[in-house]
Amino acid sequence: ERRLHIPTPKGGKARAYDIPLTRPMLACL
């Protein structure tokens, strides 16, 4: 799905979000 879930960012669980991942980002990981 090309996403990295961030469950507890600044602001807590209510601000959880997904980071869209590009090819360079996936290669980095």
PDB file of all heavy atoms in Angstrom:
ATOM      1  N   GLU A   1       0.817  -1.219   0.000  1.00  0.00           N
ATOM      2  CA  GLU A   1       0.000   0.000   0.000  1.00  0.00           C
ATOM      3  C   GLU A   1       0.849   1.267   0.000  1.00  0.00           C
ATOM      4  O   GLU A   1       0.318   2.373  -0.026  1.00  0.00           O
ATOM      5  CB  GLU A   1      -0.926   0.009   1.213  1.00  0.00           C
ATOM      6  CG  GLU A   1      -2.011  -1.055   1.185  1.00  0.00           C
ATOM      7  CD  GLU A   1      -3.022  -0.813   0.085  1.00  0.00           C
ATOM      8  OE1 GLU A   1      -3.305   0.375  -0.221  1.00  0.00           O
ATOM      9  OE2 GLU A   1      -3.514  -1.810  -0.483  1.00  0.00           O
ATOM     10  N   ARG A   2       2.185   1.072   0.076  1.00  0.00           N
ATOM     11  CA  ARG A   2       3.129   2.188   0.051  1.00  0.00           C
ATOM     12  C   ARG A   2       2.823   3.200   1.153  1.00  0.00           C
ATOM     13  O   ARG A   2       2.663   4.385   0.913  1.00  0.00           O
ATOM     14  CB  ARG A   2       3.118   2.864  -1.319  1.00  0.00           C
ATOM     15  CG  ARG A   2       3.674   1.973  -2.425  1.00  0.00           C
ATOM     16  CD  ARG A   2       3.503   2.601  -3.780  1.00  0.00           C
ATOM     17  NE  ARG A   2       4.135   3.909  -3.875  1.00  0.00           N
ATOM     18  CZ  ARG A   2       4.011   4.722  -4.923  1.00  0.00           C
ATOM     19  NH1 ARG A   2       3.277   4.350  -5.951  1.00  0.00           N
ATOM     20  NH2 ARG A   2       4.614   5.896  -4.942  1.00  0.00           N
ATOM     21  N   ARG A   3       2.802   2.694   2.399  1.00  0.00           N
ATOM     22  CA  ARG A   3       2.544   3.584   3.518  1.00  0.00           C
ATOM     23  C   ARG A   3       3.266   3.098   4.770  1.00  0.00           C
ATOM     24  O   ARG A   3       3.467   1.905   4.966  1.00  0.00           O
ATOM     25  CB  ARG A   3       1.045   3.728   3.782  1.00  0.00           C
ATOM     26  CG  ARG A   3       0.346   2.451   4.248  1.00  0.00           C
ATOM     27  CD  ARG A   3      -1.136   2.734   4.518  1.00  0.00           C
ATOM     28  NE  ARG A   3      -1.912   2.854   3.305  1.00  0.00           N
ATOM     29  CZ  ARG A   3      -2.981   3.623   3.157  1.00  0.00           C
ATOM     30  NH1 ARG A   3      -3.381   4.370   4.168  1.00  0.00           N
ATOM     31  NH2 ARG A   3      -3.638   3.668   2.020  1.00  0.00           N
ATOM     32  N   LEU A   4       3.680   4.057   5.592  1.00  0.00           N
ATOM     33  CA  LEU A   4       4.254   3.773   6.905  1.00  0.00           C
ATOM     34  C   LEU A   4       3.354   4.436   7.930  1.00  0.00           C
ATOM     35  O   LEU A   4       3.178   5.660   7.923  1.00  0.00           O
ATOM     36  CB  LEU A   4       5.684   4.328   7.017  1.00  0.00           C
ATOM     37  CG  LEU A   4       6.361   4.167   8.398  1.00  0.00           C
ATOM     38  CD1 LEU A   4       6.546   2.690   8.737  1.00  0.00           C
ATOM     39  CD2 LEU A   4       7.701   4.904   8.434  1.00  0.00           C
ATOM     40  N   HIS A   5       2.771   3.620   8.800  1.00  0.00           N
ATOM     41  CA  HIS A   5       1.846   4.146   9.794  1.00  0.00           C
ATOM     42  C   HIS A   5       2.615   4.707  10.987  1.00  0.00           C
ATOM     43  O   HIS A   5       3.544   4.071  11.498  1.00  0.00           O
ATOM     44  CB  HIS A   5       0.903   3.033  10.261  1.00  0.00           C
ATOM     45  CG  HIS A   5      -0.139   3.497  11.231  1.00  0.00           C
ATOM     46  ND1 HIS A   5      -1.075   4.464  10.911  1.00  0.00           N
ATOM     47  CD2 HIS A   5      -0.386   3.137  12.529  1.00  0.00           C
ATOM     48  CE1 HIS A   5      -1.860   4.676  11.944  1.00  0.00           C
ATOM     49  NE2 HIS A   5      -1.455   3.895  12.942  1.00  0.00           N
ATOM     50  N   ILE A   6       2.235   5.894  11.421  1.00  0.00           N
ATOM     51  CA  ILE A   6       2.820   6.530  12.602  1.00  0.00           C
ATOM     52  C   ILE A   6       1.720   6.579  13.667  1.00  0.00           C
ATOM     53  O   ILE A   6       0.849   7.444  13.634  1.00  0.00           O
ATOM     54  CB  ILE A   6       3.333   7.952  12.286  1.00  0.00           C
ATOM     55  CG1 ILE A   6       4.310   7.922  11.104  1.00  0.00           C
ATOM     56  CG2 ILE A   6       3.977   8.566  13.513  1.00  0.00           C
ATOM     57  CD1 ILE A   6       5.565   7.113  11.353  1.00  0.00           C
ATOM     58  N   PRO A   7       1.728   5.631  14.605  1.00  0.00           N
ATOM     59  CA  PRO A   7       0.603   5.504  15.541  1.00  0.00           C
ATOM     60  C   PRO A   7       0.562   6.540  16.651  1.00  0.00           C
ATOM     61  O   PRO A   7      -0.521   6.889  17.133  1.00  0.00           O
ATOM     62  CB  PRO A   7       0.788   4.097  16.112  1.00  0.00           C
ATOM     63  CG  PRO A   7       2.259   3.836  16.010  1.00  0.00           C
ATOM     64  CD  PRO A   7       2.720   4.557  14.780  1.00  0.00           C
ATOM     65  N   THR A   8       1.715   7.035  17.088  1.00  0.00           N
ATOM     66  CA  THR A   8       1.722   7.995  18.202  1.00  0.00           C
ATOM     67  C   THR A   8       2.654   9.166  17.894  1.00  0.00           C
ATOM     68  O   THR A   8       3.732   9.286  18.493  1.00  0.00           O
ATOM     69  CB  THR A   8       2.164   7.310  19.515  1.00  0.00           C
ATOM     70  OG1 THR A   8       3.422   6.634  19.292  1.00  0.00           O
ATOM     71  CG2 THR A   8       1.126   6.313  19.993  1.00  0.00           C
ATOM     72  N   PRO A   9       2.281  10.023  16.965  1.00  0.00           N
ATOM     73  CA  PRO A   9       3.115  11.180  16.645  1.00  0.00           C
ATOM     74  C   PRO A   9       2.950  12.263  17.709  1.00  0.00           C
ATOM     75  O   PRO A   9       2.290  12.055  18.735  1.00  0.00           O
ATOM     76  CB  PRO A   9       2.534  11.643  15.311  1.00  0.00           C
ATOM     77  CG  PRO A   9       1.079  11.295  15.416  1.00  0.00           C
ATOM     78  CD  PRO A   9       1.037   9.996  16.189  1.00  0.00           C
ATOM     79  N   LYS A  10       3.550  13.395  17.485  1.00  0.00           N
ATOM     80  CA  LYS A  10       3.337  14.541  18.366  1.00  0.00           C
ATOM     81  C   LYS A  10       1.834  14.846  18.385  1.00  0.00           C
ATOM     82  O   LYS A  10       1.200  14.963  17.348  1.00  0.00           O
ATOM     83  CB  LYS A  10       4.114  15.755  17.833  1.00  0.00           C
ATOM     84  CG  LYS A  10       3.961  17.000  18.686  1.00  0.00           C
ATOM     85  CD  LYS A  10       4.750  18.155  18.099  1.00  0.00           C
ATOM     86  CE  LYS A  10       4.569  19.424  18.941  1.00  0.00           C
ATOM     87  NZ  LYS A  10       5.331  20.570  18.372  1.00  0.00           N
ATOM     88  N   GLY A  11       1.287  14.941  19.569  1.00  0.00           N
ATOM     89  CA  GLY A  11      -0.160  15.142  19.686  1.00  0.00           C
ATOM     90  C   GLY A  11      -0.887  13.892  20.119  1.00  0.00           C
ATOM     91  O   GLY A  11      -2.078  13.934  20.422  1.00  0.00           O
ATOM     92  N   GLY A  12      -0.165  12.732  20.113  1.00  0.00           N
ATOM     93  CA  GLY A  12      -0.764  11.500  20.603  1.00  0.00           C
ATOM     94  C   GLY A  12      -1.502  10.697  19.556  1.00  0.00           C
ATOM     95  O   GLY A  12      -1.477  11.010  18.356  1.00  0.00           O
ATOM     96  N   LYS A  13      -2.181   9.647  20.022  1.00  0.00           N
ATOM     97  CA  LYS A  13      -2.852   8.704  19.129  1.00  0.00           C
ATOM     98  C   LYS A  13      -3.910   9.365  18.260  1.00  0.00           C
ATOM     99  O   LYS A  13      -4.181   8.901  17.151  1.00  0.00           O
ATOM    100  CB  LYS A  13      -3.476   7.578  19.949  1.00  0.00           C
ATOM    101  CG  LYS A  13      -2.462   6.694  20.663  1.00  0.00           C
ATOM    102  CD  LYS A  13      -3.147   5.588  21.456  1.00  0.00           C
ATOM    103  CE  LYS A  13      -2.122   4.717  22.172  1.00  0.00           C
ATOM    104  NZ  LYS A  13      -2.768   3.642  22.964  1.00  0.00           N
ATOM    105  N   ALA A  14      -4.520  10.418  18.743  1.00  0.00           N
ATOM    106  CA  ALA A  14      -5.560  11.098  17.963  1.00  0.00           C
ATOM    107  C   ALA A  14      -5.000  11.706  16.677  1.00  0.00           C
ATOM    108  O   ALA A  14      -5.754  11.969  15.738  1.00  0.00           O
ATOM    109  CB  ALA A  14      -6.227  12.186  18.806  1.00  0.00           C
ATOM    110  N   ARG A  15      -3.678  11.914  16.633  1.00  0.00           N
ATOM    111  CA  ARG A  15      -3.053  12.502  15.452  1.00  0.00           C
ATOM    112  C   ARG A  15      -2.353  11.453  14.584  1.00  0.00           C
ATOM    113  O   ARG A  15      -1.558  11.806  13.712  1.00  0.00           O
ATOM    114  CB  ARG A  15      -2.029  13.564  15.890  1.00  0.00           C
ATOM    115  CG  ARG A  15      -2.606  14.767  16.621  1.00  0.00           C
ATOM    116  CD  ARG A  15      -3.383  15.695  15.683  1.00  0.00           C
ATOM    117  NE  ARG A  15      -2.558  16.125  14.581  1.00  0.00           N
ATOM    118  CZ  ARG A  15      -1.639  17.086  14.653  1.00  0.00           C
ATOM    119  NH1 ARG A  15      -1.439  17.705  15.806  1.00  0.00           N
ATOM    120  NH2 ARG A  15      -0.936  17.448  13.598  1.00  0.00           N
ATOM    121  N   ALA A  16      -2.617  10.170  14.814  1.00  0.00           N
ATOM    122  CA  ALA A  16      -1.988   9.095  14.029  1.00  0.00           C
ATOM    123  C   ALA A  16      -2.220   9.320  12.543  1.00  0.00           C
ATOM    124  O   ALA A  16      -3.293   9.784  12.132  1.00  0.00           O
ATOM    125  CB  ALA A  16      -2.534   7.743  14.462  1.00  0.00           C
ATOM    126  N   TYR A  17      -1.229   8.978  11.731  1.00  0.00           N
ATOM    127  CA  TYR A  17      -1.354   9.193  10.284  1.00  0.00           C
ATOM    128  C   TYR A  17      -0.443   8.232   9.541  1.00  0.00           C
ATOM    129  O   TYR A  17       0.373   7.532  10.145  1.00  0.00           O
ATOM    130  CB  TYR A  17      -1.014  10.637   9.911  1.00  0.00           C
ATOM    131  CG  TYR A  17       0.448  10.993  10.035  1.00  0.00           C
ATOM    132  CD1 TYR A  17       1.233  11.220   8.904  1.00  0.00           C
ATOM    133  CD2 TYR A  17       1.052  11.114  11.285  1.00  0.00           C
ATOM    134  CE1 TYR A  17       2.572  11.549   9.016  1.00  0.00           C
ATOM    135  CE2 TYR A  17       2.397  11.448  11.401  1.00  0.00           C
ATOM    136  CZ  TYR A  17       3.150  11.670  10.267  1.00  0.00           C
ATOM    137  OH  TYR A  17       4.478  11.993  10.378  1.00  0.00           O
ATOM    138  N   ASP A  18      -0.598   8.182   8.216  1.00  0.00           N
ATOM    139  CA  ASP A  18       0.229   7.343   7.356  1.00  0.00           C
ATOM    140  C   ASP A  18       1.103   8.220   6.468  1.00  0.00           C
ATOM    141  O   ASP A  18       0.628   9.225   5.915  1.00  0.00           O
ATOM    142  CB  ASP A  18      -0.631   6.438   6.473  1.00  0.00           C
ATOM    143  CG  ASP A  18      -1.363   5.374   7.270  1.00  0.00           C
ATOM    144  OD1 ASP A  18      -0.952   5.130   8.420  1.00  0.00           O
ATOM    145  OD2 ASP A  18      -2.334   4.809   6.745  1.00  0.00           O
ATOM    146  N   ILE A  19       2.364   7.833   6.314  1.00  0.00           N
ATOM    147  CA  ILE A  19       3.277   8.529   5.417  1.00  0.00           C
ATOM    148  C   ILE A  19       3.245   7.829   4.060  1.00  0.00           C
ATOM    149  O   ILE A  19       3.521   6.628   3.977  1.00  0.00           O
ATOM    150  CB  ILE A  19       4.711   8.499   5.960  1.00  0.00           C
ATOM    151  CG1 ILE A  19       4.785   9.195   7.318  1.00  0.00           C
ATOM    152  CG2 ILE A  19       5.678   9.142   4.972  1.00  0.00           C
ATOM    153  CD1 ILE A  19       6.159   9.084   7.983  1.00  0.00           C
ATOM    154  N   PRO A  20       2.913   8.521   2.971  1.00  0.00           N
ATOM    155  CA  PRO A  20       2.983   7.914   1.639  1.00  0.00           C
ATOM    156  C   PRO A  20       4.441   7.668   1.266  1.00  0.00           C
ATOM    157  O   PRO A  20       5.299   8.519   1.495  1.00  0.00           O
ATOM    158  CB  PRO A  20       2.350   8.977   0.721  1.00  0.00           C
ATOM    159  CG  PRO A  20       1.687   9.961   1.633  1.00  0.00           C
ATOM    160  CD  PRO A  20       2.432   9.909   2.924  1.00  0.00           C
ATOM    161  N   LEU A  21       4.722   6.504   0.686  1.00  0.00           N
ATOM    162  CA  LEU A  21       6.100   6.119   0.395  1.00  0.00           C
ATOM    163  C   LEU A  21       6.361   6.080  -1.100  1.00  0.00           C
ATOM    164  O   LEU A  21       5.635   5.449  -1.867  1.00  0.00           O
ATOM    165  CB  LEU A  21       6.399   4.746   1.004  1.00  0.00           C
ATOM    166  CG  LEU A  21       6.229   4.629   2.518  1.00  0.00           C
ATOM    167  CD1 LEU A  21       6.436   3.196   2.969  1.00  0.00           C
ATOM    168  CD2 LEU A  21       7.180   5.568   3.254  1.00  0.00           C
ATOM    169  N   THR A  22       7.431   6.730  -1.510  1.00  0.00           N
ATOM    170  CA  THR A  22       7.853   6.732  -2.906  1.00  0.00           C
ATOM    171  C   THR A  22       8.945   5.682  -3.099  1.00  0.00           C
ATOM    172  O   THR A  22       9.442   5.090  -2.139  1.00  0.00           O
ATOM    173  CB  THR A  22       8.406   8.115  -3.273  1.00  0.00           C
ATOM    174  OG1 THR A  22       9.566   8.372  -2.465  1.00  0.00           O
ATOM    175  CG2 THR A  22       7.380   9.210  -3.014  1.00  0.00           C
ATOM    176  N   ARG A  23       9.356   5.469  -4.345  1.00  0.00           N
ATOM    177  CA  ARG A  23      10.415   4.498  -4.606  1.00  0.00           C
ATOM    178  C   ARG A  23      11.710   4.854  -3.884  1.00  0.00           C
ATOM    179  O   ARG A  23      12.344   3.983  -3.272  1.00  0.00           O
ATOM    180  CB  ARG A  23      10.655   4.376  -6.108  1.00  0.00           C
ATOM    181  CG  ARG A  23       9.542   3.622  -6.846  1.00  0.00           C
ATOM    182  CD  ARG A  23       9.900   3.436  -8.297  1.00  0.00           C
ATOM    183  NE  ARG A  23      11.081   2.599  -8.481  1.00  0.00           N
ATOM    184  CZ  ARG A  23      11.725   2.437  -9.631  1.00  0.00           C
ATOM    185  NH1 ARG A  23      11.295   3.061 -10.721  1.00  0.00           N
ATOM    186  NH2 ARG A  23      12.782   1.656  -9.712  1.00  0.00           N
ATOM    187  N   PRO A  24      12.162   6.113  -3.905  1.00  0.00           N
ATOM    188  CA  PRO A  24      13.375   6.441  -3.145  1.00  0.00           C
ATOM    189  C   PRO A  24      13.223   6.201  -1.646  1.00  0.00           C
ATOM    190  O   PRO A  24      14.183   5.807  -0.974  1.00  0.00           O
ATOM    191  CB  PRO A  24      13.577   7.928  -3.453  1.00  0.00           C
ATOM    192  CG  PRO A  24      12.939   8.129  -4.784  1.00  0.00           C
ATOM    193  CD  PRO A  24      11.738   7.235  -4.769  1.00  0.00           C
ATOM    194  N   MET A  25      12.035   6.416  -1.118  1.00  0.00           N
ATOM    195  CA  MET A  25      11.808   6.187   0.311  1.00  0.00           C
ATOM    196  C   MET A  25      11.824   4.698   0.632  1.00  0.00           C
ATOM    197  O   MET A  25      12.388   4.270   1.645  1.00  0.00           O
ATOM    198  CB  MET A  25      10.487   6.824   0.738  1.00  0.00           C
ATOM    199  CG  MET A  25      10.500   8.347   0.632  1.00  0.00           C
ATOM    200  SD  MET A  25       8.856   9.082   0.778  1.00  0.00           S
ATOM    201  CE  MET A  25       8.611   8.951   2.555  1.00  0.00           C
ATOM    202  N   LEU A  26      11.222   3.876  -0.229  1.00  0.00           N
ATOM    203  CA  LEU A  26      11.233   2.428  -0.027  1.00  0.00           C
ATOM    204  C   LEU A  26      12.658   1.879  -0.166  1.00  0.00           C
ATOM    205  O   LEU A  26      13.064   0.981   0.580  1.00  0.00           O
ATOM    206  CB  LEU A  26      10.305   1.750  -1.038  1.00  0.00           C
ATOM    207  CG  LEU A  26       8.804   1.943  -0.790  1.00  0.00           C
ATOM    208  CD1 LEU A  26       7.993   1.459  -1.988  1.00  0.00           C
ATOM    209  CD2 LEU A  26       8.355   1.217   0.480  1.00  0.00           C
ATOM    210  N   ALA A  27      13.424   2.428  -1.113  1.00  0.00           N
ATOM    211  CA  ALA A  27      14.813   2.005  -1.268  1.00  0.00           C
ATOM    212  C   ALA A  27      15.629   2.382  -0.032  1.00  0.00           C
ATOM    213  O   ALA A  27      16.498   1.622   0.412  1.00  0.00           O
ATOM    214  CB  ALA A  27      15.421   2.646  -2.517  1.00  0.00           C
ATOM    215  N   CYS A  28      15.349   3.530   0.527  1.00  0.00           N
ATOM    216  CA  CYS A  28      16.018   3.975   1.754  1.00  0.00           C
ATOM    217  C   CYS A  28      15.733   2.997   2.894  1.00  0.00           C
ATOM    218  O   CYS A  28      16.647   2.594   3.626  1.00  0.00           O
ATOM    219  CB  CYS A  28      15.536   5.380   2.111  1.00  0.00           C
ATOM    220  SG  CYS A  28      16.156   6.029   3.678  1.00  0.00           S
ATOM    221  N   LEU A  29      14.467   2.588   3.032  1.00  0.00           N
ATOM    222  CA  LEU A  29      14.096   1.646   4.083  1.00  0.00           C
ATOM    223  C   LEU A  29      14.744   0.277   3.851  1.00  0.00           C
ATOM    224  O   LEU A  29      15.135  -0.398   4.810  1.00  0.00           O
ATOM    225  CB  LEU A  29      12.580   1.510   4.152  1.00  0.00           C
ATOM    226  CG  LEU A  29      11.812   2.755   4.623  1.00  0.00           C
ATOM    227  CD1 LEU A  29      10.317   2.504   4.586  1.00  0.00           C
ATOM    228  CD2 LEU A  29      12.251   3.175   6.025  1.00  0.00           C
TER     229      LEU A  29
END
